[in-house]
Amino acid sequence: MPDAFRVLLVDGSETATEMLSWLLASAGYAVETAGDGLNGVRAATRRVPDLVVMSARLPLLDGIQACRLLKAEPATRDVPVILLTSEEAGADRLHAARAGADRCLLRDLSPGEVLPAVRECLAEKTPRPDGGADPGGAALPDDIEILSRVNGVLETGLFEASLLNEIALVGRDVDDFEATARELFRLLREIAPADAMGGVFSDGVYSEGVSIFPDDAGDPFREEVRHRTERLRDEARIPFAPDRVVWTAIQGGFRRPASVSDGPLVSRAVCTVRAGEMVKGLMAMYSGIEGASRGGAAKETLLRQAFMVLENAWLYRQIARISVTDGLTGLPNIRHFREQAQREHSRARRHNDPYTIVLLDIDHFKKINDVYGHPVGDTVLREMAAIFREAVRLTDLPARYGGEEFVALLPRTRLPEAVIVGERIRDAVERKVFSAPSPMIRCTVSVGIADYLPGTEGTEKAVIGRADQALYSAKHGGRNRVVCLPAKEA
């Protein structure tokens, strides 16, 4: 039967072997038999079958361990395995799934239930050429070698289980995203020495990338890690909005050995995580060591676990961010601004530093909502926030103050420098053509600025109050202007 699928049947019961052999042969399959686990593994090595049907309980080597070994060997890992058990439910089914079995069936099933499972496992497959025989004629493993291989597989599994447990323990503390990422990379490097790790997380609206690298890595190396991770993100089609992408670069807390010579940066292991139709993100490990190999299933399992732990830390941080972020503009909200302003005022008083408050209001914004509708008004607010964010330094704190008003706290900044910032914002807004239906929309803003000088009395609320008075003066002075209300020096 040259075109028949070859089925290796391994069972310690002569009665069960005869019955199943007849059943499979009657259905057109070529059947080879073995009476114990050792001979079953040896038979599968000699001529790789198209399917293995094996009892979970066998003499010399039980079927679960034999299945685990077959799934670990490169020549047989793709061969479907059906394990037969006498237990309706219990440990056999759990161990069979962990060993990689494709199906776990009851031994006393009727022919009407066995054959559909066999057909399902062989669906879309073709019989192996030359009946699965090894063309190299390699020597068959003896009992000791087979048992040694089983022990090796078990040791690998135990090591992986230990690492999975350590990764899970890292997940107990998710309030520090960067520390969690650093510790996960340290653990993953124990099984796959790597120079960098990249990850992408997405909730469908917000997306964040992260890269971890040696402390002594230069800018070109860091940029390459980010570039390769972004390319993997695009290939996996992870959803992201360009204006809502954050990238976090983290030093890994280690230095590369001086003896390691760089090769092209390559991915050693990549794991893409999905939830139904949605791609949630990915994790990848990179190496600059020439000839680094890609990881296998074990590394992917660990990467998947690490992804879930780090995703929890990311989601925790996202919740923290959302609680202090204005949902429309992405700027900090007023509650967060007031808390930070109070801290900055205390710090400025303690260190004798100045700071300024810049408060602005979009002129005639109500007309935009009335004429074009609130969706267009929301667009204007988002683009206004982008101008505001671009105009200030990374050390400054811009925020949405409420409605069409925005505010910024500029630490260690005196009034003349703040006026330059205010004029920069006013000029950028006046020249901006906002994204809206025809006719094109142009806006102006009125800006009020107040400062705090060391030694003066009052709280941050007083400084904000003076900025509000300056804004009121700008409005009543003709709009589209910057007005300052200096602090009275002590």
Protein backbone atom coordinates (compact mmCIF):
# COMPACT_ATOMS: atom_id res chain seq x y z
CA MET A 1 0.00 0.00 0.00
CA PRO A 2 2.52 2.65 -1.20
CA ASP A 3 0.15 5.62 -0.82
CA ALA A 4 -1.26 4.63 2.56
CA PHE A 5 -0.60 6.62 5.72
CA ARG A 6 1.66 4.76 8.13
CA VAL A 7 0.38 4.50 11.69
CA LEU A 8 2.64 3.36 14.51
CA LEU A 9 0.53 1.61 17.15
CA VAL A 10 2.20 1.22 20.57
CA ASP A 11 0.31 -0.76 23.20
CA GLY A 12 1.28 -3.31 25.82
CA SER A 13 -1.94 -5.30 25.48
CA GLU A 14 -2.00 -7.90 22.71
CA THR A 15 -5.80 -7.83 22.64
CA ALA A 16 -5.95 -4.04 22.25
CA THR A 17 -3.16 -4.16 19.64
CA GLU A 18 -4.95 -6.76 17.54
CA MET A 19 -8.27 -4.92 17.70
CA LEU A 20 -6.83 -1.49 16.83
CA SER A 21 -4.56 -2.93 14.11
CA TRP A 22 -7.56 -4.55 12.42
CA LEU A 23 -9.60 -1.35 12.76
CA LEU A 24 -6.90 0.86 11.24
CA ALA A 25 -5.97 -1.61 8.50
CA SER A 26 -9.63 -1.96 7.54
CA ALA A 27 -9.75 1.82 7.10
CA GLY A 28 -6.82 1.67 4.66
CA TYR A 29 -3.90 2.57 6.92
CA ALA A 30 -0.55 0.74 6.98
CA VAL A 31 0.04 -0.32 10.59
CA GLU A 32 3.29 -1.02 12.45
CA THR A 33 3.18 -2.13 16.10
CA ALA A 34 5.38 -2.01 19.19
CA GLY A 35 4.72 -3.47 22.62
CA ASP A 36 6.46 -0.96 24.89
CA GLY A 37 7.60 2.65 24.99
CA LEU A 38 11.28 1.99 24.25
CA ASN A 39 10.55 -0.07 21.15
CA GLY A 40 7.93 2.47 20.12
CA VAL A 41 10.49 5.31 20.18
CA ARG A 42 12.99 3.13 18.35
CA ALA A 43 10.43 2.26 15.66
CA ALA A 44 9.53 5.93 15.20
CA THR A 45 13.23 6.75 14.84
CA ARG A 46 13.85 4.00 12.30
CA ARG A 47 10.88 4.92 10.09
CA VAL A 48 9.13 8.15 10.95
CA PRO A 49 5.38 7.39 10.85
CA ASP A 50 2.58 9.68 9.75
CA LEU A 51 0.73 9.16 13.04
CA VAL A 52 1.43 7.56 16.43
CA VAL A 53 -1.38 5.94 18.43
CA MET A 54 0.01 5.04 21.82
CA SER A 55 -1.21 3.91 25.23
CA ALA A 56 -0.46 6.33 28.07
CA ARG A 57 0.55 3.39 30.27
CA LEU A 58 3.32 1.21 28.80
CA PRO A 59 6.06 -1.06 30.13
CA LEU A 60 9.73 0.13 30.22
CA LEU A 61 8.83 3.70 29.18
CA ASP A 62 5.33 5.07 29.59
CA GLY A 63 3.51 6.64 26.67
CA ILE A 64 3.49 10.15 28.12
CA GLN A 65 7.30 10.24 28.40
CA ALA A 66 7.64 8.66 24.96
CA CYS A 67 5.31 11.33 23.55
CA ARG A 68 7.34 14.06 25.26
CA LEU A 69 10.53 12.69 23.67
CA LEU A 70 8.99 12.38 20.19
CA LYS A 71 7.75 15.97 20.37
CA ALA A 72 11.24 17.14 21.38
CA GLU A 73 13.13 15.34 18.59
CA PRO A 74 13.47 17.37 15.33
CA ALA A 75 12.65 14.34 13.12
CA THR A 76 9.39 13.47 14.90
CA ARG A 77 8.15 16.69 16.51
CA ASP A 78 5.60 17.26 13.72
CA VAL A 79 4.16 13.73 13.91
CA PRO A 80 0.65 13.78 15.43
CA VAL A 81 0.33 11.66 18.59
CA ILE A 82 -2.90 10.20 19.94
CA LEU A 83 -2.62 8.94 23.52
CA LEU A 84 -5.04 6.32 24.84
CA THR A 85 -6.00 6.33 28.50
CA SER A 86 -8.33 4.35 30.72
CA GLU A 87 -9.26 7.45 32.76
CA GLU A 88 -12.39 9.42 31.88
CA ALA A 89 -10.79 12.42 33.54
CA GLY A 90 -7.64 12.73 35.58
CA ALA A 91 -3.88 13.13 35.57
CA ASP A 92 -3.34 11.29 32.28
CA ARG A 93 -5.21 13.91 30.29
CA LEU A 94 -3.34 16.75 31.96
CA HIS A 95 0.06 15.11 31.46
CA ALA A 96 -0.83 14.22 27.86
CA ALA A 97 -1.56 17.86 27.07
CA ARG A 98 1.68 18.95 28.76
CA ALA A 99 3.63 16.33 26.79
CA GLY A 100 2.33 17.74 23.50
CA ALA A 101 -0.16 15.02 22.54
CA ASP A 102 -2.55 16.07 19.80
CA ARG A 103 -5.43 14.00 21.19
CA CYS A 104 -6.17 11.99 24.34
CA LEU A 105 -8.87 9.32 23.90
CA LEU A 106 -10.40 6.59 26.03
CA ARG A 107 -9.09 3.10 25.24
CA ASP A 108 -12.57 1.57 25.05
CA LEU A 109 -13.92 4.01 22.47
CA SER A 110 -15.99 2.59 19.62
CA PRO A 111 -14.56 2.53 16.06
CA GLY A 112 -16.91 5.38 15.22
CA GLU A 113 -14.97 7.62 17.61
CA VAL A 114 -11.39 6.46 16.99
CA LEU A 115 -11.32 6.76 13.22
CA PRO A 116 -12.61 10.38 13.07
CA ALA A 117 -9.81 11.41 15.45
CA VAL A 118 -7.25 9.65 13.24
CA ARG A 119 -8.63 11.31 10.10
CA GLU A 120 -8.62 14.71 11.81
CA CYS A 121 -4.96 14.36 12.81
CA LEU A 122 -3.99 13.39 9.25
CA ALA A 123 -6.14 16.02 7.54
CA GLU A 124 -4.26 18.09 4.96
CA LYS A 125 -1.23 15.78 5.25
CA THR A 126 0.29 13.47 2.66
CA PRO A 127 2.03 10.13 3.34
CA ARG A 128 5.74 10.52 4.03
CA PRO A 129 8.00 9.70 1.08
CA ASP A 130 9.78 6.32 1.23
CA GLY A 131 7.48 5.31 4.04
CA GLY A 132 9.28 7.65 6.46
CA ALA A 133 12.51 5.61 6.34
CA ASP A 134 15.75 7.34 7.41
CA PRO A 135 17.77 7.78 4.19
CA GLY A 136 21.01 8.14 6.18
CA GLY A 137 20.70 4.77 7.82
CA ALA A 138 21.81 6.11 11.22
CA ALA A 139 22.32 3.63 14.06
CA LEU A 140 19.22 3.10 16.16
CA PRO A 141 19.40 4.34 19.76
CA ASP A 142 19.68 1.67 22.43
CA ASP A 143 17.62 1.63 25.63
CA ILE A 144 20.17 3.62 27.63
CA GLU A 145 20.39 6.34 24.99
CA ILE A 146 16.60 6.63 24.75
CA LEU A 147 16.28 6.92 28.53
CA SER A 148 19.10 9.48 28.56
CA ARG A 149 17.24 11.56 25.98
CA VAL A 150 14.07 11.35 28.05
CA ASN A 151 16.01 12.56 31.10
CA GLY A 152 17.38 15.44 29.04
CA VAL A 153 13.89 16.45 27.96
CA LEU A 154 12.66 16.24 31.55
CA GLU A 155 15.58 18.34 32.82
CA THR A 156 14.88 20.95 30.16
CA GLY A 157 11.21 20.95 31.14
CA LEU A 158 12.09 21.27 34.82
CA PHE A 159 14.43 24.19 34.11
CA GLU A 160 11.75 25.86 32.00
CA ALA A 161 9.16 25.31 34.75
CA SER A 162 11.53 26.87 37.30
CA LEU A 163 12.04 29.91 35.08
CA LEU A 164 8.31 30.19 34.46
CA ASN A 165 7.79 30.21 38.20
CA GLU A 166 10.43 32.92 38.67
CA ILE A 167 8.85 34.98 35.89
CA ALA A 168 5.47 34.62 37.59
CA LEU A 169 7.01 35.79 40.88
CA VAL A 170 8.29 38.93 39.15
CA GLY A 171 4.67 39.65 38.27
CA ARG A 172 3.70 40.07 41.91
CA ASP A 173 5.01 43.64 41.87
CA VAL A 174 3.76 45.53 38.82
CA ASP A 175 3.98 49.10 40.09
CA ASP A 176 7.45 49.67 38.55
CA PHE A 177 7.35 48.99 34.82
CA GLU A 178 11.03 49.56 34.16
CA ALA A 179 12.22 47.42 37.08
CA THR A 180 9.87 44.62 35.97
CA ALA A 181 11.21 44.76 32.40
CA ARG A 182 14.81 44.73 33.64
CA GLU A 183 14.27 41.68 35.87
CA LEU A 184 12.42 39.75 33.16
CA PHE A 185 15.25 40.33 30.69
CA ARG A 186 17.75 39.09 33.27
CA LEU A 187 15.81 35.84 33.65
CA LEU A 188 15.34 35.33 29.89
CA ARG A 189 19.06 35.82 29.30
CA GLU A 190 19.71 32.72 31.41
CA ILE A 191 18.35 30.49 28.63
CA ALA A 192 19.18 32.61 25.58
CA PRO A 193 22.15 34.95 26.10
CA ALA A 194 21.12 38.13 24.32
CA ASP A 195 22.21 41.73 24.08
CA ALA A 196 18.82 43.43 23.91
CA MET A 197 15.10 42.88 24.20
CA GLY A 198 12.25 44.69 22.51
CA GLY A 199 8.53 44.65 23.17
CA VAL A 200 5.33 46.26 21.93
CA PHE A 201 2.06 46.53 23.86
CA SER A 202 -1.27 47.73 22.50
CA ASP A 203 -4.80 48.02 23.84
CA GLY A 204 -6.21 49.04 20.48
CA VAL A 205 -6.02 52.75 21.28
CA TYR A 206 -2.68 53.36 22.96
CA SER A 207 0.54 51.62 21.99
CA GLU A 208 3.92 51.55 23.69
CA GLY A 209 7.24 50.12 22.64
CA VAL A 210 10.05 49.23 25.00
CA SER A 211 13.69 48.40 24.39
CA ILE A 212 16.20 47.09 26.95
CA PHE A 213 19.91 47.18 26.23
CA PRO A 214 23.33 47.12 27.96
CA ASP A 215 24.29 50.14 30.02
CA ASP A 216 27.24 50.82 27.72
CA ALA A 217 25.21 50.62 24.48
CA GLY A 218 25.63 53.61 22.18
CA ASP A 219 22.92 55.51 20.32
CA PRO A 220 23.31 53.51 17.05
CA PHE A 221 22.77 50.24 18.94
CA ARG A 222 19.72 51.61 20.76
CA GLU A 223 18.24 52.94 17.54
CA GLU A 224 18.73 49.60 15.81
CA VAL A 225 16.89 47.76 18.61
CA ARG A 226 13.99 50.17 18.28
CA HIS A 227 13.99 50.01 14.47
CA ARG A 228 13.94 46.20 14.42
CA THR A 229 11.16 46.07 17.02
CA GLU A 230 9.07 48.59 15.07
CA ARG A 231 9.56 46.49 11.93
CA LEU A 232 8.36 43.38 13.78
CA ARG A 233 5.38 45.42 15.04
CA ASP A 234 4.44 46.40 11.47
CA GLU A 235 4.88 42.83 10.20
CA ALA A 236 2.62 41.52 13.00
CA ARG A 237 0.08 44.28 12.24
CA ILE A 238 -0.18 45.41 15.82
CA PRO A 239 -2.73 48.27 15.95
CA PHE A 240 -1.34 51.66 16.89
CA ALA A 241 -2.07 55.34 16.33
CA PRO A 242 1.08 57.30 15.36
CA ASP A 243 0.07 60.23 17.56
CA ARG A 244 -0.45 57.96 20.58
CA VAL A 245 2.72 55.89 20.49
CA VAL A 246 5.14 56.01 23.42
CA TRP A 247 8.61 54.48 23.42
CA THR A 248 10.50 53.64 26.61
CA ALA A 249 14.24 52.96 26.50
CA ILE A 250 15.63 51.10 29.54
CA GLN A 251 19.18 50.35 30.58
CA GLY A 252 19.40 46.65 31.45
CA GLY A 253 21.77 46.95 34.40
CA PHE A 254 24.58 44.97 32.73
CA ARG A 255 27.52 45.57 30.41
CA ARG A 256 28.49 43.49 27.41
CA PRO A 257 31.65 41.37 27.76
CA ALA A 258 34.63 43.03 26.11
CA SER A 259 35.50 39.74 24.41
CA VAL A 260 32.24 39.59 22.45
CA SER A 261 32.62 40.78 18.86
CA ASP A 262 29.58 42.30 17.24
CA GLY A 263 27.83 40.85 14.24
CA PRO A 264 24.63 42.10 12.65
CA LEU A 265 21.89 42.42 15.25
CA VAL A 266 19.54 39.45 14.79
CA SER A 267 16.45 38.21 16.60
CA ARG A 268 17.07 35.10 18.67
CA ALA A 269 13.45 34.57 19.68
CA VAL A 270 10.19 36.31 18.77
CA CYS A 271 6.76 35.79 20.31
CA THR A 272 3.63 37.47 18.97
CA VAL A 273 0.65 37.39 21.35
CA ARG A 274 -2.94 37.45 20.12
CA ALA A 275 -6.34 37.66 21.78
CA GLY A 276 -8.83 36.37 19.24
CA GLU A 277 -8.47 38.47 16.08
CA MET A 278 -6.56 41.25 17.83
CA VAL A 279 -2.76 41.26 18.09
CA LYS A 280 -1.94 42.43 21.63
CA GLY A 281 1.78 42.79 21.16
CA LEU A 282 5.10 41.00 20.88
CA MET A 283 8.40 40.38 22.58
CA ALA A 284 11.73 39.72 20.89
CA MET A 285 15.29 39.02 22.02
CA TYR A 286 18.23 40.24 19.95
CA SER A 287 21.86 39.30 19.76
CA GLY A 288 24.82 40.91 18.06
CA ILE A 289 26.78 37.68 18.30
CA GLU A 290 27.43 36.35 14.83
CA GLY A 291 25.67 33.06 14.14
CA ALA A 292 23.11 33.38 16.92
CA SER A 293 20.27 30.94 16.36
CA ARG A 294 16.54 31.46 16.64
CA GLY A 295 14.80 30.18 19.75
CA GLY A 296 12.50 27.18 19.86
CA ALA A 297 9.15 26.41 21.44
CA ALA A 298 10.54 26.53 24.98
CA LYS A 299 11.85 30.05 24.54
CA GLU A 300 8.56 31.12 22.98
CA THR A 301 6.70 29.76 26.01
CA LEU A 302 8.93 31.78 28.33
CA LEU A 303 8.63 34.89 26.17
CA ARG A 304 4.85 34.55 26.20
CA GLN A 305 4.81 34.31 30.01
CA ALA A 306 7.19 37.27 30.28
CA PHE A 307 4.97 39.26 27.90
CA MET A 308 1.91 38.68 30.09
CA VAL A 309 3.80 39.75 33.22
CA LEU A 310 5.18 42.89 31.59
CA GLU A 311 1.80 43.63 29.98
CA ASN A 312 0.23 43.66 33.46
CA ALA A 313 2.86 46.18 34.57
CA TRP A 314 2.17 48.24 31.44
CA LEU A 315 -1.59 48.16 32.01
CA TYR A 316 -1.05 49.23 35.63
CA ARG A 317 1.01 52.16 34.37
CA GLN A 318 -1.62 52.92 31.72
CA ILE A 319 -4.28 53.14 34.41
CA ALA A 320 -2.03 55.48 36.39
CA ARG A 321 -1.49 57.59 33.27
CA ILE A 322 -5.18 57.69 32.37
CA SER A 323 -6.03 58.89 35.87
CA VAL A 324 -3.87 61.99 35.32
CA THR A 325 -4.47 62.49 31.58
CA ASP A 326 -7.11 64.45 29.70
CA GLY A 327 -8.83 61.97 27.40
CA LEU A 328 -9.33 64.38 24.49
CA THR A 329 -5.94 66.09 24.21
CA GLY A 330 -3.61 63.59 25.88
CA LEU A 331 -2.24 66.37 28.10
CA PRO A 332 -2.16 66.06 31.90
CA ASN A 333 -5.51 66.93 33.46
CA ILE A 334 -6.13 69.79 35.87
CA ARG A 335 -6.06 67.61 38.99
CA HIS A 336 -2.59 66.34 38.17
CA PHE A 337 -1.46 69.84 37.25
CA ARG A 338 -2.56 71.25 40.61
CA GLU A 339 -0.78 68.48 42.51
CA GLN A 340 2.45 69.05 40.57
CA ALA A 341 2.15 72.83 40.89
CA GLN A 342 1.90 72.48 44.66
CA ARG A 343 5.03 70.29 44.71
CA GLU A 344 6.93 72.68 42.44
CA HIS A 345 5.98 75.67 44.59
CA SER A 346 7.32 73.90 47.71
CA ARG A 347 10.50 72.92 45.88
CA ALA A 348 10.99 76.44 44.49
CA ARG A 349 10.62 78.00 47.94
CA ARG A 350 13.05 75.51 49.45
CA HIS A 351 15.73 76.05 46.77
CA ASN A 352 15.06 79.73 46.05
CA ASP A 353 14.12 79.05 42.43
CA PRO A 354 11.69 81.03 40.26
CA TYR A 355 8.93 79.55 38.12
CA THR A 356 6.19 80.89 35.87
CA ILE A 357 2.63 79.98 34.99
CA VAL A 358 1.43 80.38 31.38
CA LEU A 359 -2.35 80.38 30.93
CA LEU A 360 -3.99 80.62 27.50
CA ASP A 361 -7.52 80.66 26.12
CA ILE A 362 -8.69 80.10 22.51
CA ASP A 363 -10.37 83.26 21.27
CA HIS A 364 -14.02 82.93 20.18
CA PHE A 365 -13.93 79.15 20.55
CA LYS A 366 -17.68 79.01 21.18
CA LYS A 367 -18.26 80.20 17.60
CA ILE A 368 -16.31 77.21 16.26
CA ASN A 369 -18.55 74.81 18.17
CA ASP A 370 -21.70 76.67 17.17
CA VAL A 371 -20.85 76.94 13.46
CA TYR A 372 -18.94 73.73 12.73
CA GLY A 373 -20.08 71.45 15.54
CA HIS A 374 -18.36 69.87 18.52
CA PRO A 375 -16.39 67.21 16.54
CA VAL A 376 -14.58 70.03 14.69
CA GLY A 377 -14.11 71.82 18.00
CA ASP A 378 -12.53 68.68 19.46
CA THR A 379 -10.14 68.54 16.50
CA VAL A 380 -9.09 72.12 17.13
CA LEU A 381 -8.48 71.34 20.81
CA ARG A 382 -6.32 68.31 19.97
CA GLU A 383 -4.23 70.25 17.47
CA MET A 384 -3.95 73.17 19.89
CA ALA A 385 -2.63 70.76 22.52
CA ALA A 386 -0.01 69.53 20.04
CA ILE A 387 1.17 73.12 19.44
CA PHE A 388 1.29 73.74 23.18
CA ARG A 389 3.23 70.54 23.83
CA GLU A 390 5.71 71.33 21.08
CA ALA A 391 6.34 74.88 22.36
CA VAL A 392 7.48 73.95 25.87
CA ARG A 393 10.47 72.00 27.19
CA LEU A 394 10.45 68.39 28.39
CA THR A 395 10.94 69.68 31.92
CA ASP A 396 7.82 71.88 31.70
CA LEU A 397 4.31 70.69 32.56
CA PRO A 398 1.62 71.57 30.00
CA ALA A 399 -1.97 70.63 30.88
CA ARG A 400 -5.55 71.18 29.85
CA TYR A 401 -7.01 73.64 32.32
CA GLY A 402 -10.64 73.16 31.27
CA GLY A 403 -12.82 73.85 28.24
CA GLU A 404 -10.71 75.81 25.75
CA GLU A 405 -8.10 76.85 28.32
CA PHE A 406 -4.59 75.43 28.65
CA VAL A 407 -1.94 75.99 31.28
CA ALA A 408 1.78 75.30 31.64
CA LEU A 409 4.16 75.39 34.58
CA LEU A 410 7.70 76.38 33.63
CA PRO A 411 10.17 75.50 36.44
CA ARG A 412 13.29 77.63 36.98
CA THR A 413 11.99 80.17 34.46
CA ARG A 414 11.78 83.93 34.90
CA LEU A 415 9.21 86.20 33.29
CA PRO A 416 11.24 87.33 30.21
CA GLU A 417 11.88 83.72 29.15
CA ALA A 418 8.23 82.82 29.74
CA VAL A 419 7.13 85.72 27.52
CA ILE A 420 9.21 84.22 24.70
CA VAL A 421 7.35 80.92 25.16
CA GLY A 422 3.98 82.71 25.23
CA GLU A 423 4.75 84.63 22.04
CA ARG A 424 5.96 81.43 20.38
CA ILE A 425 2.63 79.75 21.14
CA ARG A 426 0.57 82.78 20.08
CA ASP A 427 2.45 83.08 16.77
CA ALA A 428 2.25 79.32 16.01
CA VAL A 429 -1.51 79.32 16.60
CA GLU A 430 -2.05 82.42 14.45
CA ARG A 431 -0.19 80.80 11.52
CA LYS A 432 -1.83 77.37 11.95
CA VAL A 433 -4.55 76.16 9.56
CA PHE A 434 -6.60 73.67 11.55
CA SER A 435 -7.86 70.39 10.10
CA ALA A 436 -11.53 71.06 9.47
CA PRO A 437 -14.08 71.18 6.63
CA SER A 438 -14.01 74.15 4.25
CA PRO A 439 -13.74 77.04 4.87
CA MET A 440 -10.37 76.64 6.57
CA ILE A 441 -10.37 77.45 10.27
CA ARG A 442 -7.86 79.81 11.81
CA CYS A 443 -7.67 80.68 15.49
CA THR A 444 -5.92 83.02 17.84
CA VAL A 445 -5.17 82.74 21.55
CA SER A 446 -4.89 85.13 24.43
CA VAL A 447 -2.07 84.43 26.89
CA GLY A 448 -1.64 85.45 30.53
CA ILE A 449 1.65 84.95 32.37
CA ALA A 450 2.56 85.30 36.04
CA ASP A 451 5.76 84.41 37.86
CA TYR A 452 6.93 83.35 41.29
CA LEU A 453 10.10 84.94 42.65
CA PRO A 454 12.09 83.55 45.60
CA GLY A 455 11.19 85.21 48.84
CA THR A 456 7.72 86.36 47.83
CA GLU A 457 4.68 85.36 49.86
CA GLY A 458 1.69 83.34 48.73
CA THR A 459 0.97 79.90 47.34
CA GLU A 460 0.91 78.44 43.84
CA LYS A 461 -2.80 79.27 43.78
CA ALA A 462 -1.92 82.95 44.04
CA VAL A 463 0.46 82.66 41.07
CA ILE A 464 -2.21 80.89 38.99
CA GLY A 465 -4.70 83.58 40.08
CA ARG A 466 -2.39 86.33 38.79
CA ALA A 467 -1.95 84.45 35.48
CA ASP A 468 -5.75 84.33 35.23
CA GLN A 469 -5.94 88.09 35.81
CA ALA A 470 -3.32 88.62 33.08
CA LEU A 471 -5.37 86.43 30.73
CA TYR A 472 -8.46 88.51 31.53
CA SER A 473 -6.53 91.65 30.62
CA ALA A 474 -5.39 90.07 27.33
CA LYS A 475 -9.01 89.23 26.47
CA HIS A 476 -10.28 92.70 27.23
CA GLY A 477 -7.29 94.33 25.56
CA GLY A 478 -8.20 93.01 22.13
CA ARG A 479 -7.29 89.30 22.26
CA ASN A 480 -4.44 87.59 20.35
CA ARG A 481 -1.84 89.00 22.70
CA VAL A 482 0.39 88.13 25.65
CA VAL A 483 -0.03 89.98 28.94
CA CYS A 484 2.17 89.56 32.02
CA LEU A 485 1.46 90.26 35.68
CA PRO A 486 4.83 90.23 37.48
CA ALA A 487 5.28 89.22 41.08
CA LYS A 488 6.04 91.99 43.57
CA GLU A 489 9.58 91.50 44.76
CA ALA A 490 10.01 91.27 48.51
